Amino acid sequence: VDHIFFKKLYEIFEMPVRLRLQRFGRKNLPFYRVVAADAKAPRDGKFLEIIGTYDPIPTRMGVKEVRLNTERVRYWIGVGAEPTSRVAWLLGQFNILPPPPQREFFKNHIPKKIRAEVLAKLEEESSA
């Protein structure tokens, strides 16, 4: 009977944690919180801790505001939390994590009308 109790207790404390963005704001004016949340929780649902904020709408000066509690970010990464791709990109911008690798380029992402020209230029650059 005790091993069942400890197994349940282990499952509770071994939940995979993600560092992700939680959307706030209104239509066409997003504002995000950077949170540590259980991977199974919904995007805007229950979270463990608020780590920072991110405002993707630039101010009049052209600045996108990001506020992060770097101590807590390092703590969560230290205990095994995985950042989502967008949060990893943000953390890479502030040298908290190494920048994530660039996404792979696919030719289907280029409109058909200009695909031949672009691919020819890419082949020339790679061969040079």
C-alpha atoms as a PDB file:
ATOM      1  CA  VAL A   1       0.000   0.000   0.000  1.00  0.00           C
ATOM      2  CA  ASP A   2       2.864   2.400   0.794  1.00  0.00           C
ATOM      3  CA  HIS A   3       4.474   1.985  -2.614  1.00  0.00           C
ATOM      4  CA  ILE A   4       1.248   3.157  -4.321  1.00  0.00           C
ATOM      5  CA  PHE A   5       1.211   6.277  -2.142  1.00  0.00           C
ATOM      6  CA  PHE A   6       4.860   7.077  -2.929  1.00  0.00           C
ATOM      7  CA  LYS A   7       4.317   6.453  -6.635  1.00  0.00           C
ATOM      8  CA  LYS A   8       1.453   8.987  -6.670  1.00  0.00           C
ATOM      9  CA  LEU A   9       3.550  11.444  -4.667  1.00  0.00           C
ATOM     10  CA  TYR A  10       6.435  11.039  -7.135  1.00  0.00           C
ATOM     11  CA  GLU A  11       4.096  11.679 -10.095  1.00  0.00           C
ATOM     12  CA  ILE A  12       2.852  14.896  -8.494  1.00  0.00           C
ATOM     13  CA  PHE A  13       6.328  16.302  -7.918  1.00  0.00           C
ATOM     14  CA  GLU A  14       7.827  15.068 -11.204  1.00  0.00           C
ATOM     15  CA  MET A  15       5.575  17.096 -13.497  1.00  0.00           C
ATOM     16  CA  PRO A  16       7.338  18.495 -16.568  1.00  0.00           C
ATOM     17  CA  VAL A  17       7.622  22.264 -16.249  1.00  0.00           C
ATOM     18  CA  ARG A  18       7.691  24.636 -19.218  1.00  0.00           C
ATOM     19  CA  LEU A  19       8.633  28.295 -19.358  1.00  0.00           C
ATOM     20  CA  ARG A  20       6.043  29.776 -21.685  1.00  0.00           C
ATOM     21  CA  LEU A  21       4.076  32.863 -22.637  1.00  0.00           C
ATOM     22  CA  GLN A  22       0.619  33.433 -21.204  1.00  0.00           C
ATOM     23  CA  ARG A  23      -1.460  35.815 -23.350  1.00  0.00           C
ATOM     24  CA  PHE A  24      -3.240  38.829 -21.921  1.00  0.00           C
ATOM     25  CA  GLY A  25      -4.392  42.101 -23.425  1.00  0.00           C
ATOM     26  CA  ARG A  26      -7.165  42.417 -25.967  1.00  0.00           C
ATOM     27  CA  LYS A  27      -7.795  41.784 -29.638  1.00  0.00           C
ATOM     28  CA  ASN A  28      -4.886  43.048 -31.791  1.00  0.00           C
ATOM     29  CA  LEU A  29      -3.066  44.332 -28.686  1.00  0.00           C
ATOM     30  CA  PRO A  30      -1.350  41.339 -27.047  1.00  0.00           C
ATOM     31  CA  PHE A  31       0.580  41.405 -23.794  1.00  0.00           C
ATOM     32  CA  TYR A  32       2.292  38.326 -22.388  1.00  0.00           C
ATOM     33  CA  ARG A  33       3.428  37.041 -19.025  1.00  0.00           C
ATOM     34  CA  VAL A  34       6.403  34.709 -18.971  1.00  0.00           C
ATOM     35  CA  VAL A  35       5.407  31.921 -16.580  1.00  0.00           C
ATOM     36  CA  ALA A  36       6.633  28.598 -15.289  1.00  0.00           C
ATOM     37  CA  ALA A  37       3.746  26.191 -15.801  1.00  0.00           C
ATOM     38  CA  ASP A  38       2.988  22.497 -15.820  1.00  0.00           C
ATOM     39  CA  ALA A  39       3.317  21.230 -19.393  1.00  0.00           C
ATOM     40  CA  LYS A  40      -0.185  19.743 -19.250  1.00  0.00           C
ATOM     41  CA  ALA A  41      -1.843  23.003 -18.135  1.00  0.00           C
ATOM     42  CA  PRO A  42      -3.597  25.108 -20.806  1.00  0.00           C
ATOM     43  CA  ARG A  43      -1.812  28.150 -22.276  1.00  0.00           C
ATOM     44  CA  ASP A  44      -3.696  30.736 -20.210  1.00  0.00           C
ATOM     45  CA  GLY A  45      -4.456  28.375 -17.335  1.00  0.00           C
ATOM     46  CA  LYS A  46      -2.851  27.508 -14.028  1.00  0.00           C
ATOM     47  CA  PHE A  47       0.824  28.365 -13.580  1.00  0.00           C
ATOM     48  CA  LEU A  48       3.464  27.906 -10.896  1.00  0.00           C
ATOM     49  CA  GLU A  49       5.159  31.311 -10.960  1.00  0.00           C
ATOM     50  CA  ILE A  50       5.230  34.545 -12.966  1.00  0.00           C
ATOM     51  CA  ILE A  51       8.801  35.105 -14.137  1.00  0.00           C
ATOM     52  CA  GLY A  52       8.395  38.224 -16.249  1.00  0.00           C
ATOM     53  CA  THR A  53       6.439  40.105 -18.901  1.00  0.00           C
ATOM     54  CA  TYR A  54       6.767  40.699 -22.652  1.00  0.00           C
ATOM     55  CA  ASP A  55       5.040  43.453 -24.639  1.00  0.00           C
ATOM     56  CA  PRO A  56       5.510  42.740 -28.374  1.00  0.00           C
ATOM     57  CA  ILE A  57       3.903  46.033 -29.475  1.00  0.00           C
ATOM     58  CA  PRO A  58       6.729  48.570 -29.952  1.00  0.00           C
ATOM     59  CA  THR A  59       6.504  51.931 -28.177  1.00  0.00           C
ATOM     60  CA  ARG A  60       6.837  55.217 -30.051  1.00  0.00           C
ATOM     61  CA  MET A  61      10.606  54.811 -29.738  1.00  0.00           C
ATOM     62  CA  GLY A  62      10.406  51.367 -31.388  1.00  0.00           C
ATOM     63  CA  VAL A  63      11.199  49.408 -28.207  1.00  0.00           C
ATOM     64  CA  LYS A  64       9.506  46.124 -27.306  1.00  0.00           C
ATOM     65  CA  GLU A  65       9.453  45.875 -23.516  1.00  0.00           C
ATOM     66  CA  VAL A  66      10.684  42.708 -21.791  1.00  0.00           C
ATOM     67  CA  ARG A  67      11.013  42.333 -18.027  1.00  0.00           C
ATOM     68  CA  LEU A  68      12.499  39.142 -16.614  1.00  0.00           C
ATOM     69  CA  ASN A  69      13.458  37.995 -13.139  1.00  0.00           C
ATOM     70  CA  THR A  70      16.737  36.402 -14.247  1.00  0.00           C
ATOM     71  CA  GLU A  71      17.346  34.748 -10.870  1.00  0.00           C
ATOM     72  CA  ARG A  72      14.078  32.837 -11.089  1.00  0.00           C
ATOM     73  CA  VAL A  73      14.579  32.013 -14.778  1.00  0.00           C
ATOM     74  CA  ARG A  74      17.973  30.479 -13.965  1.00  0.00           C
ATOM     75  CA  TYR A  75      16.425  28.592 -11.036  1.00  0.00           C
ATOM     76  CA  TRP A  76      13.688  27.042 -13.183  1.00  0.00           C
ATOM     77  CA  ILE A  77      16.120  26.103 -15.926  1.00  0.00           C
ATOM     78  CA  GLY A  78      18.401  24.651 -13.254  1.00  0.00           C
ATOM     79  CA  VAL A  79      15.652  22.355 -11.981  1.00  0.00           C
ATOM     80  CA  GLY A  80      14.867  21.148 -15.504  1.00  0.00           C
ATOM     81  CA  ALA A  81      12.191  23.470 -16.899  1.00  0.00           C
ATOM     82  CA  GLU A  82      12.105  23.594 -20.705  1.00  0.00           C
ATOM     83  CA  PRO A  83      11.469  26.940 -22.407  1.00  0.00           C
ATOM     84  CA  THR A  84       9.166  27.046 -25.420  1.00  0.00           C
ATOM     85  CA  SER A  85      10.686  28.200 -28.708  1.00  0.00           C
ATOM     86  CA  ARG A  86       9.564  31.819 -28.288  1.00  0.00           C
ATOM     87  CA  VAL A  87      10.723  32.040 -24.663  1.00  0.00           C
ATOM     88  CA  ALA A  88      14.048  30.425 -25.643  1.00  0.00           C
ATOM     89  CA  TRP A  89      14.420  33.128 -28.302  1.00  0.00           C
ATOM     90  CA  LEU A  90      13.725  35.861 -25.698  1.00  0.00           C
ATOM     91  CA  LEU A  91      16.203  34.338 -23.253  1.00  0.00           C
ATOM     92  CA  GLY A  92      18.772  34.107 -26.044  1.00  0.00           C
ATOM     93  CA  GLN A  93      18.351  37.833 -26.739  1.00  0.00           C
ATOM     94  CA  PHE A  94      19.346  38.593 -23.135  1.00  0.00           C
ATOM     95  CA  ASN A  95      22.195  36.040 -22.926  1.00  0.00           C
ATOM     96  CA  ILE A  96      20.437  34.028 -20.233  1.00  0.00           C
ATOM     97  CA  LEU A  97      20.567  30.993 -22.541  1.00  0.00           C
ATOM     98  CA  PRO A  98      22.575  30.463 -25.702  1.00  0.00           C
ATOM     99  CA  PRO A  99      20.506  31.595 -28.689  1.00  0.00           C
ATOM    100  CA  PRO A 100      18.434  28.768 -30.182  1.00  0.00           C
ATOM    101  CA  PRO A 101      19.438  27.479 -33.624  1.00  0.00           C
ATOM    102  CA  GLN A 102      17.843  29.069 -36.673  1.00  0.00           C
ATOM    103  CA  ARG A 103      14.820  27.259 -38.040  1.00  0.00           C
ATOM    104  CA  GLU A 104      15.417  25.140 -41.097  1.00  0.00           C
ATOM    105  CA  PHE A 105      14.579  26.759 -44.414  1.00  0.00           C
ATOM    106  CA  PHE A 106      12.052  24.999 -46.666  1.00  0.00           C
ATOM    107  CA  LYS A 107      11.521  25.905 -50.294  1.00  0.00           C
ATOM    108  CA  ASN A 108       7.729  25.584 -49.902  1.00  0.00           C
ATOM    109  CA  HIS A 109       7.787  28.710 -47.737  1.00  0.00           C
ATOM    110  CA  ILE A 110       8.702  30.821 -50.769  1.00  0.00           C
ATOM    111  CA  PRO A 111       5.874  31.949 -53.086  1.00  0.00           C
ATOM    112  CA  LYS A 112       5.867  29.950 -56.350  1.00  0.00           C
ATOM    113  CA  LYS A 113       6.239  33.058 -58.511  1.00  0.00           C
ATOM    114  CA  ILE A 114       9.713  33.910 -57.161  1.00  0.00           C
ATOM    115  CA  ARG A 115      10.828  30.457 -55.973  1.00  0.00           C
ATOM    116  CA  ALA A 116      13.100  29.707 -58.958  1.00  0.00           C
ATOM    117  CA  GLU A 117      14.928  33.056 -58.663  1.00  0.00           C
ATOM    118  CA  VAL A 118      15.462  32.752 -54.910  1.00  0.00           C
ATOM    119  CA  LEU A 119      16.677  29.143 -55.091  1.00  0.00           C
ATOM    120  CA  ALA A 120      19.101  30.055 -57.893  1.00  0.00           C
ATOM    121  CA  LYS A 121      20.533  32.890 -55.766  1.00  0.00           C
ATOM    122  CA  LEU A 122      20.893  30.554 -52.783  1.00  0.00           C
ATOM    123  CA  GLU A 123      22.759  27.972 -54.897  1.00  0.00           C
ATOM    124  CA  GLU A 124      25.130  30.665 -56.200  1.00  0.00           C
ATOM    125  CA  GLU A 125      25.859  31.890 -52.661  1.00  0.00           C
ATOM    126  CA  SER A 126      26.438  28.386 -51.319  1.00  0.00           C
ATOM    127  CA  SER A 127      28.780  27.436 -54.187  1.00  0.00           C
ATOM    128  CA  ALA A 128      30.788  30.673 -53.917  1.00  0.00           C
END
